[in-house]
N, C-alpha and C. Protein backbone atom coordinates (compact mmCIF):
# COMPACT_ATOMS: atom_id res chain seq x y z
N MET A 1 74.26 -214.27 -54.02
CA MET A 1 73.64 -212.87 -54.47
C MET A 1 74.47 -212.32 -55.69
N ALA A 2 73.74 -212.10 -56.77
CA ALA A 2 74.45 -211.53 -57.98
C ALA A 2 74.93 -210.09 -57.54
N GLN A 3 76.10 -209.72 -57.94
CA GLN A 3 76.48 -208.36 -57.86
C GLN A 3 77.06 -207.80 -59.19
N ASN A 4 76.70 -206.55 -59.21
CA ASN A 4 77.07 -205.82 -60.41
C ASN A 4 78.43 -205.17 -60.02
N ILE A 5 79.48 -205.66 -60.87
CA ILE A 5 80.94 -205.22 -60.55
C ILE A 5 81.28 -204.16 -61.43
N VAL A 6 81.81 -203.05 -61.07
CA VAL A 6 82.03 -201.91 -61.97
C VAL A 6 83.55 -201.58 -61.40
N ARG A 7 84.35 -201.43 -62.49
CA ARG A 7 85.80 -201.08 -62.30
C ARG A 7 85.78 -199.63 -61.96
N LEU A 8 86.66 -199.30 -61.01
CA LEU A 8 86.76 -197.77 -60.51
C LEU A 8 88.25 -197.55 -60.47
N PRO A 9 88.80 -196.67 -61.57
CA PRO A 9 90.19 -196.32 -61.73
C PRO A 9 90.50 -195.29 -60.57
N ILE A 10 91.57 -195.58 -59.81
CA ILE A 10 91.90 -194.67 -58.69
C ILE A 10 93.29 -194.30 -58.83
N LYS A 11 93.74 -193.04 -58.63
CA LYS A 11 95.09 -192.73 -58.73
C LYS A 11 95.32 -192.09 -57.27
N LYS A 12 96.55 -192.33 -56.85
CA LYS A 12 96.84 -191.85 -55.44
C LYS A 12 97.72 -190.56 -55.68
N ALA A 13 97.52 -189.59 -54.96
CA ALA A 13 98.19 -188.26 -55.01
C ALA A 13 99.69 -188.58 -54.54
N ASP A 14 100.57 -187.53 -54.92
CA ASP A 14 101.86 -187.81 -54.56
C ASP A 14 102.13 -187.89 -53.10
N HIS A 15 101.27 -187.06 -52.44
CA HIS A 15 101.36 -187.08 -50.95
C HIS A 15 100.80 -188.36 -50.14
N ALA A 16 100.21 -189.39 -50.96
CA ALA A 16 99.44 -190.39 -50.44
C ALA A 16 99.93 -191.78 -50.76
N ALA A 17 101.25 -191.98 -51.12
CA ALA A 17 101.66 -193.17 -51.73
C ALA A 17 101.43 -194.28 -50.59
N ASP A 18 101.51 -193.96 -49.39
CA ASP A 18 101.34 -194.98 -48.28
C ASP A 18 99.89 -195.16 -47.74
N ILE A 19 98.91 -194.43 -48.36
CA ILE A 19 97.62 -194.55 -47.93
C ILE A 19 97.05 -195.80 -48.56
N ASN A 20 96.13 -196.57 -47.78
CA ASN A 20 95.47 -197.72 -48.27
C ASN A 20 94.39 -197.37 -49.34
N MET A 21 94.37 -198.23 -50.29
CA MET A 21 93.18 -198.17 -51.21
C MET A 21 91.88 -198.23 -50.46
N PRO A 22 90.88 -197.84 -51.01
CA PRO A 22 89.44 -198.05 -50.44
C PRO A 22 89.26 -199.48 -50.47
N ARG A 23 88.50 -199.96 -49.41
CA ARG A 23 88.17 -201.36 -49.45
C ARG A 23 86.94 -201.61 -48.53
N TYR A 24 86.37 -202.68 -49.06
CA TYR A 24 85.04 -203.18 -48.36
C TYR A 24 85.71 -204.09 -47.15
N MET A 25 85.00 -203.68 -45.95
CA MET A 25 85.60 -204.41 -44.83
C MET A 25 84.88 -205.83 -44.54
N THR A 26 83.76 -206.06 -45.05
CA THR A 26 83.06 -207.17 -44.98
C THR A 26 82.55 -207.62 -46.37
N GLY A 27 82.09 -208.95 -46.65
CA GLY A 27 81.57 -209.34 -47.83
C GLY A 27 80.16 -208.59 -48.25
N GLY A 28 79.47 -208.25 -47.23
CA GLY A 28 78.22 -207.62 -47.53
C GLY A 28 78.19 -206.09 -47.35
N ALA A 29 79.38 -205.58 -47.11
CA ALA A 29 79.39 -203.98 -47.05
C ALA A 29 78.94 -203.35 -48.38
N ALA A 30 78.18 -202.27 -48.11
CA ALA A 30 77.91 -201.51 -49.39
C ALA A 30 78.91 -200.38 -49.48
N GLY A 31 79.59 -199.86 -48.53
CA GLY A 31 80.59 -198.80 -48.76
C GLY A 31 82.03 -199.31 -48.37
N MET A 32 82.85 -198.69 -49.22
CA MET A 32 84.31 -198.92 -49.00
C MET A 32 84.98 -197.82 -48.08
N ASP A 33 85.61 -198.24 -47.07
CA ASP A 33 86.29 -197.22 -46.26
C ASP A 33 87.23 -196.39 -46.89
N LEU A 34 87.35 -195.19 -46.49
CA LEU A 34 88.34 -194.14 -46.82
C LEU A 34 89.28 -193.79 -45.82
N TYR A 35 90.51 -193.45 -46.03
CA TYR A 35 91.48 -193.26 -44.93
C TYR A 35 91.96 -191.78 -45.10
N ALA A 36 92.28 -191.41 -43.97
CA ALA A 36 92.90 -190.00 -43.87
C ALA A 36 94.34 -189.88 -44.41
N ALA A 37 94.54 -188.90 -45.24
CA ALA A 37 95.84 -188.54 -45.78
C ALA A 37 96.36 -187.31 -45.16
N VAL A 38 96.01 -187.02 -43.90
CA VAL A 38 96.53 -185.80 -43.26
C VAL A 38 98.04 -185.85 -43.19
N LYS A 39 98.66 -184.67 -43.23
CA LYS A 39 100.16 -184.71 -43.17
C LYS A 39 100.70 -184.62 -41.86
N GLU A 40 99.69 -184.17 -40.77
CA GLU A 40 100.06 -184.07 -39.35
C GLU A 40 98.61 -184.37 -38.65
N LEU A 41 98.79 -184.69 -37.31
CA LEU A 41 97.58 -184.79 -36.58
C LEU A 41 96.67 -183.55 -36.63
N THR A 42 95.36 -183.83 -36.94
CA THR A 42 94.40 -182.80 -37.13
C THR A 42 93.29 -182.97 -36.17
N THR A 43 93.12 -181.99 -35.24
CA THR A 43 92.13 -181.95 -34.23
C THR A 43 91.00 -181.16 -34.63
N VAL A 44 89.90 -181.76 -34.60
CA VAL A 44 88.66 -181.12 -34.81
C VAL A 44 87.81 -180.90 -33.53
N LEU A 45 87.64 -179.69 -33.21
CA LEU A 45 87.03 -179.35 -31.84
C LEU A 45 85.59 -179.42 -32.06
N PRO A 46 84.87 -179.59 -30.92
CA PRO A 46 83.46 -179.72 -30.96
C PRO A 46 82.78 -178.48 -31.64
N GLY A 47 81.99 -178.68 -32.52
CA GLY A 47 81.19 -177.68 -33.29
C GLY A 47 82.06 -177.28 -34.49
N GLU A 48 83.20 -177.74 -34.72
CA GLU A 48 84.06 -177.43 -35.69
C GLU A 48 84.00 -178.31 -37.08
N VAL A 49 84.32 -177.66 -38.22
CA VAL A 49 84.48 -178.37 -39.47
C VAL A 49 85.83 -178.36 -39.89
N SER A 50 86.33 -179.54 -40.53
CA SER A 50 87.56 -179.78 -41.01
C SER A 50 87.49 -180.50 -42.31
N LEU A 51 88.28 -180.04 -43.41
CA LEU A 51 88.44 -180.79 -44.52
C LEU A 51 89.63 -181.67 -44.52
N ILE A 52 89.29 -183.10 -44.59
CA ILE A 52 90.39 -184.15 -44.43
C ILE A 52 90.57 -184.69 -45.83
N PRO A 53 91.84 -184.60 -46.30
CA PRO A 53 92.25 -185.29 -47.52
C PRO A 53 92.33 -186.76 -47.47
N THR A 54 91.88 -187.40 -48.52
CA THR A 54 92.16 -188.88 -48.64
C THR A 54 93.25 -189.41 -49.55
N GLY A 55 93.88 -188.32 -50.34
CA GLY A 55 94.97 -188.69 -51.17
C GLY A 55 94.53 -189.34 -52.48
N LEU A 56 93.11 -189.46 -52.67
CA LEU A 56 92.72 -190.27 -53.77
C LEU A 56 92.05 -189.55 -54.90
N LEU A 57 92.29 -189.71 -56.07
CA LEU A 57 91.65 -189.09 -57.26
C LEU A 57 91.02 -190.34 -58.07
N VAL A 58 89.74 -190.17 -58.53
CA VAL A 58 89.08 -191.21 -59.14
C VAL A 58 88.51 -190.84 -60.38
N ALA A 59 88.34 -191.71 -61.27
CA ALA A 59 87.62 -191.57 -62.76
C ALA A 59 86.31 -192.35 -62.52
N VAL A 60 85.21 -191.66 -61.95
CA VAL A 60 83.98 -192.37 -61.66
C VAL A 60 83.37 -192.74 -63.07
N PRO A 61 83.00 -193.89 -63.50
CA PRO A 61 82.42 -194.07 -64.70
C PRO A 61 81.18 -193.31 -65.07
N ASP A 62 80.91 -193.03 -66.29
CA ASP A 62 79.73 -192.36 -66.74
C ASP A 62 78.56 -193.13 -66.35
N GLY A 63 77.57 -192.55 -65.76
CA GLY A 63 76.33 -193.04 -65.35
C GLY A 63 76.36 -193.39 -63.80
N TYR A 64 77.46 -193.03 -63.19
CA TYR A 64 77.69 -193.27 -61.63
C TYR A 64 78.04 -192.08 -60.86
N GLU A 65 77.88 -192.16 -59.48
CA GLU A 65 78.45 -191.16 -58.84
C GLU A 65 79.07 -191.93 -57.64
N LEU A 66 79.90 -191.36 -56.87
CA LEU A 66 80.53 -191.94 -55.58
C LEU A 66 79.78 -191.04 -54.51
N GLN A 67 79.10 -191.59 -53.59
CA GLN A 67 78.43 -191.11 -52.45
C GLN A 67 79.52 -191.16 -51.29
N ILE A 68 79.87 -190.10 -50.61
CA ILE A 68 80.81 -190.07 -49.46
C ILE A 68 79.89 -189.96 -48.22
N ARG A 69 79.83 -190.95 -47.26
CA ARG A 69 79.07 -191.11 -46.22
C ARG A 69 79.86 -191.24 -44.83
N PRO A 70 79.18 -190.85 -43.88
CA PRO A 70 79.90 -191.03 -42.50
C PRO A 70 80.02 -192.43 -42.03
N ARG A 71 81.03 -192.71 -41.27
CA ARG A 71 81.13 -194.17 -40.68
C ARG A 71 80.28 -194.14 -39.58
N SER A 72 79.40 -195.22 -39.46
CA SER A 72 78.44 -195.27 -38.29
C SER A 72 79.02 -195.34 -36.79
N GLY A 73 80.13 -195.94 -36.81
CA GLY A 73 80.98 -196.09 -35.46
C GLY A 73 81.40 -194.75 -35.06
N LEU A 74 81.94 -193.94 -35.92
CA LEU A 74 82.44 -192.59 -35.56
C LEU A 74 81.30 -191.62 -35.11
N ALA A 75 80.13 -191.97 -35.81
CA ALA A 75 78.96 -191.04 -35.62
C ALA A 75 78.39 -191.41 -34.20
N ALA A 76 78.27 -192.73 -33.88
CA ALA A 76 77.65 -193.13 -32.73
C ALA A 76 78.45 -193.04 -31.57
N LYS A 77 79.87 -193.20 -31.63
CA LYS A 77 80.78 -193.23 -30.44
C LYS A 77 81.37 -191.96 -30.26
N LYS A 78 81.56 -191.14 -31.35
CA LYS A 78 82.34 -189.77 -31.32
C LYS A 78 81.64 -188.56 -31.52
N GLY A 79 80.36 -188.74 -32.23
CA GLY A 79 79.64 -187.63 -32.71
C GLY A 79 80.24 -187.02 -33.94
N ILE A 80 81.00 -187.85 -34.83
CA ILE A 80 81.67 -187.26 -35.95
C ILE A 80 80.75 -187.67 -37.15
N GLY A 81 80.54 -186.60 -38.05
CA GLY A 81 79.74 -186.81 -39.19
C GLY A 81 80.22 -186.04 -40.30
N ILE A 82 79.64 -186.10 -41.48
CA ILE A 82 80.12 -185.49 -42.74
C ILE A 82 78.99 -184.35 -42.95
N LEU A 83 79.47 -183.18 -43.03
CA LEU A 83 78.72 -181.87 -43.13
C LEU A 83 77.75 -182.05 -44.53
N ASN A 84 78.11 -182.47 -45.50
CA ASN A 84 77.27 -182.35 -46.68
C ASN A 84 76.84 -183.89 -47.07
N SER A 85 76.42 -184.61 -46.06
CA SER A 85 76.25 -186.13 -46.25
C SER A 85 74.94 -186.40 -46.95
N PRO A 86 74.99 -187.21 -48.04
CA PRO A 86 76.21 -187.75 -48.48
C PRO A 86 76.81 -186.86 -49.54
N GLY A 87 78.16 -186.64 -49.50
CA GLY A 87 78.86 -185.89 -50.46
C GLY A 87 78.81 -186.71 -51.71
N THR A 88 78.68 -185.93 -52.86
CA THR A 88 78.80 -186.50 -54.18
C THR A 88 80.15 -186.22 -54.98
N ILE A 89 80.68 -187.32 -55.40
CA ILE A 89 81.80 -187.21 -56.47
C ILE A 89 81.23 -187.64 -57.80
N ASP A 90 81.09 -186.50 -58.75
CA ASP A 90 80.69 -186.69 -59.96
C ASP A 90 81.52 -187.42 -60.90
N ALA A 91 80.92 -187.93 -61.99
CA ALA A 91 81.74 -188.71 -62.99
C ALA A 91 82.85 -187.85 -63.68
N ASP A 92 82.68 -186.50 -63.76
CA ASP A 92 83.66 -185.64 -64.35
C ASP A 92 84.62 -185.01 -63.49
N TYR A 93 84.49 -185.28 -62.19
CA TYR A 93 85.50 -184.70 -61.24
C TYR A 93 86.68 -185.41 -61.11
N ARG A 94 87.86 -184.75 -61.35
CA ARG A 94 89.11 -185.43 -61.27
C ARG A 94 90.10 -184.96 -59.98
N GLY A 95 89.49 -184.21 -59.25
CA GLY A 95 90.33 -183.74 -58.04
C GLY A 95 90.47 -184.69 -56.98
N GLU A 96 91.19 -184.35 -56.05
CA GLU A 96 91.36 -185.19 -54.76
C GLU A 96 89.99 -185.15 -53.93
N ILE A 97 89.64 -186.45 -53.50
CA ILE A 97 88.54 -186.52 -52.63
C ILE A 97 88.82 -186.12 -51.25
N GLN A 98 88.08 -185.23 -50.82
CA GLN A 98 88.24 -184.75 -49.43
C GLN A 98 86.95 -184.75 -48.67
N VAL A 99 87.13 -184.87 -47.35
CA VAL A 99 85.93 -185.27 -46.56
C VAL A 99 85.71 -184.22 -45.60
N ILE A 100 84.57 -183.58 -45.55
CA ILE A 100 84.04 -182.43 -44.66
C ILE A 100 83.62 -182.99 -43.37
N LEU A 101 84.55 -183.12 -42.61
CA LEU A 101 84.18 -183.77 -41.10
C LEU A 101 83.59 -182.70 -40.39
N ILE A 102 82.59 -183.04 -39.47
CA ILE A 102 82.09 -182.14 -38.47
C ILE A 102 82.02 -182.86 -37.19
N ASN A 103 82.42 -182.16 -36.09
CA ASN A 103 82.48 -182.79 -34.71
C ASN A 103 81.15 -182.28 -34.09
N LEU A 104 80.32 -183.25 -33.95
CA LEU A 104 79.01 -182.84 -33.16
C LEU A 104 79.03 -183.46 -31.78
N GLY A 105 80.17 -184.06 -31.45
CA GLY A 105 80.39 -184.62 -30.14
C GLY A 105 80.74 -183.61 -29.10
N PRO A 106 80.92 -184.09 -27.77
CA PRO A 106 81.39 -183.06 -26.84
C PRO A 106 82.87 -182.99 -26.41
N ARG A 107 83.67 -183.73 -27.31
CA ARG A 107 85.12 -183.69 -27.01
C ARG A 107 85.91 -183.54 -28.32
N PRO A 108 87.10 -182.84 -28.40
CA PRO A 108 87.91 -182.75 -29.50
C PRO A 108 87.99 -184.19 -30.07
N PHE A 109 88.09 -184.22 -31.36
CA PHE A 109 88.41 -185.52 -32.18
C PHE A 109 89.76 -185.41 -33.03
N THR A 110 90.57 -186.22 -32.80
CA THR A 110 91.92 -186.14 -33.57
C THR A 110 92.01 -187.14 -34.71
N VAL A 111 92.27 -186.64 -35.80
CA VAL A 111 92.42 -187.42 -37.11
C VAL A 111 93.85 -187.72 -37.15
N LYS A 112 94.30 -189.03 -37.26
CA LYS A 112 95.68 -189.28 -37.81
C LYS A 112 95.69 -189.90 -38.97
N ARG A 113 96.99 -189.75 -39.69
CA ARG A 113 97.14 -190.40 -40.91
C ARG A 113 96.65 -191.95 -40.83
N HIS A 114 96.23 -192.37 -41.87
CA HIS A 114 95.66 -193.74 -42.00
C HIS A 114 94.30 -194.15 -41.34
N ASP A 115 93.72 -193.23 -40.61
CA ASP A 115 92.58 -193.38 -39.88
C ASP A 115 91.45 -193.63 -40.88
N ARG A 116 90.56 -194.36 -40.65
CA ARG A 116 89.38 -194.66 -41.42
C ARG A 116 88.27 -193.53 -41.04
N ILE A 117 87.99 -192.71 -42.08
CA ILE A 117 87.23 -191.48 -41.73
C ILE A 117 85.85 -191.35 -42.30
N ALA A 118 85.58 -192.26 -43.45
CA ALA A 118 84.33 -192.10 -44.03
C ALA A 118 84.31 -193.52 -44.97
N GLN A 119 83.16 -193.39 -45.69
CA GLN A 119 83.00 -194.47 -46.53
C GLN A 119 82.49 -193.96 -47.82
N MET A 120 82.75 -194.76 -48.98
CA MET A 120 82.13 -194.32 -50.11
C MET A 120 81.31 -195.50 -50.85
N VAL A 121 80.25 -195.09 -51.55
CA VAL A 121 79.41 -196.05 -52.22
C VAL A 121 79.19 -195.67 -53.45
N LEU A 122 79.48 -196.48 -54.37
CA LEU A 122 79.27 -196.39 -55.92
C LEU A 122 77.82 -196.51 -56.23
N CYS A 123 77.11 -195.40 -56.84
CA CYS A 123 75.70 -195.50 -57.03
C CYS A 123 75.39 -195.08 -58.48
N PRO A 124 74.44 -195.96 -59.12
CA PRO A 124 74.04 -195.42 -60.46
C PRO A 124 73.25 -194.22 -60.42
N VAL A 125 73.21 -193.41 -61.48
CA VAL A 125 72.75 -192.13 -61.47
C VAL A 125 71.66 -192.03 -62.78
N SER A 126 70.55 -191.77 -62.41
CA SER A 126 69.56 -191.42 -63.52
C SER A 126 69.59 -189.96 -63.88
N ARG A 127 69.31 -189.65 -65.16
CA ARG A 127 69.21 -188.34 -65.58
C ARG A 127 67.80 -187.91 -65.67
N ALA A 128 67.36 -186.76 -65.00
CA ALA A 128 65.86 -186.35 -65.10
C ALA A 128 65.79 -185.41 -66.24
N VAL A 129 64.59 -185.25 -66.77
CA VAL A 129 64.25 -184.33 -67.88
C VAL A 129 62.94 -183.58 -67.35
N PRO A 130 63.37 -182.47 -66.80
CA PRO A 130 62.31 -181.57 -66.03
C PRO A 130 61.55 -180.91 -67.17
N PHE A 131 60.17 -181.01 -66.83
CA PHE A 131 59.36 -180.28 -67.69
C PHE A 131 58.13 -179.66 -66.76
N GLU A 132 57.69 -178.48 -67.09
CA GLU A 132 56.66 -177.76 -66.49
C GLU A 132 55.25 -178.28 -66.69
N ILE A 133 54.40 -178.22 -65.56
CA ILE A 133 53.11 -178.60 -65.84
C ILE A 133 52.17 -177.60 -64.89
N ASP A 134 50.92 -177.50 -65.21
CA ASP A 134 50.13 -176.55 -64.49
C ASP A 134 49.69 -177.14 -63.07
N GLN A 135 49.42 -178.33 -62.91
CA GLN A 135 49.02 -178.88 -61.79
C GLN A 135 49.53 -180.38 -61.55
N LEU A 136 49.97 -180.69 -60.30
CA LEU A 136 50.49 -182.01 -59.98
C LEU A 136 49.47 -183.01 -59.85
N PRO A 137 49.68 -184.26 -59.93
CA PRO A 137 48.53 -185.33 -59.67
C PRO A 137 48.41 -185.27 -58.08
N VAL A 138 47.26 -185.66 -57.68
CA VAL A 138 46.89 -185.70 -56.33
C VAL A 138 47.37 -187.04 -55.76
N THR A 139 47.72 -186.99 -54.51
CA THR A 139 48.19 -188.18 -53.77
C THR A 139 47.53 -188.20 -52.49
N GLU A 140 47.47 -189.29 -51.67
CA GLU A 140 47.06 -189.45 -50.27
C GLU A 140 47.68 -188.42 -49.38
N ARG A 141 48.87 -188.17 -49.51
CA ARG A 141 49.69 -187.22 -48.61
C ARG A 141 49.58 -185.90 -49.13
N ASN A 142 49.58 -185.62 -50.52
CA ASN A 142 49.57 -184.24 -51.01
C ASN A 142 50.78 -183.43 -50.50
N ASP A 143 50.49 -182.23 -49.86
CA ASP A 143 51.46 -181.29 -49.36
C ASP A 143 51.76 -181.52 -48.02
N GLY A 144 51.36 -182.57 -47.37
CA GLY A 144 51.73 -182.86 -45.96
C GLY A 144 53.22 -183.04 -45.83
N GLY A 145 53.73 -182.14 -44.82
CA GLY A 145 55.26 -182.07 -44.75
C GLY A 145 55.70 -182.77 -43.48
N PHE A 146 56.83 -182.27 -42.92
CA PHE A 146 57.51 -182.94 -41.86
C PHE A 146 56.58 -183.41 -40.74
N GLY A 147 56.77 -184.70 -40.41
CA GLY A 147 56.00 -185.33 -39.38
C GLY A 147 54.53 -185.55 -39.71
N HIS A 148 54.11 -185.48 -40.98
CA HIS A 148 52.72 -185.49 -41.52
C HIS A 148 52.18 -187.07 -41.22
N THR A 149 53.04 -187.87 -41.81
CA THR A 149 52.64 -189.24 -41.89
C THR A 149 52.53 -189.87 -40.37
N GLY A 150 51.32 -190.62 -40.20
CA GLY A 150 51.07 -191.16 -38.96
C GLY A 150 50.20 -190.25 -37.99
N ASN A 151 49.97 -189.07 -38.37
CA ASN A 151 49.27 -188.00 -37.64
C ASN A 151 47.90 -187.92 -38.26
N LYS A 152 46.87 -188.54 -37.56
CA LYS A 152 45.51 -188.47 -38.21
C LYS A 152 44.69 -187.67 -37.27
């Protein structure tokens, strides 16, 4: 399978020299795992939100974004998600990547330094040129909303 290889410059924050670089865990993985750079154990209680640092700063190439997504294993086994999923890291952002974890599970979840907490996917971005019209083209669905398809 042909792959589009894009170089992604990453700088580690001073507090993250020991944190692993993001990496694909299998040859077919779309996302690179991100690791927690917490300074101490961080417990996220059920229903609580916590901002978890990764210690990474990136220079996303023009024409791309990084999407920060939940890890499916944490979601399925622990009820851990990402509040603004997918989170977007824009090409002009140079701050530390932080992950907004939410605990939707029934038990407290403890994040330790070096834990895999999320994944990031590099995605191309198209720029839209909005323009106003008086009427939208008609489709089979039209304004049918949530749960509309399959209901006849």
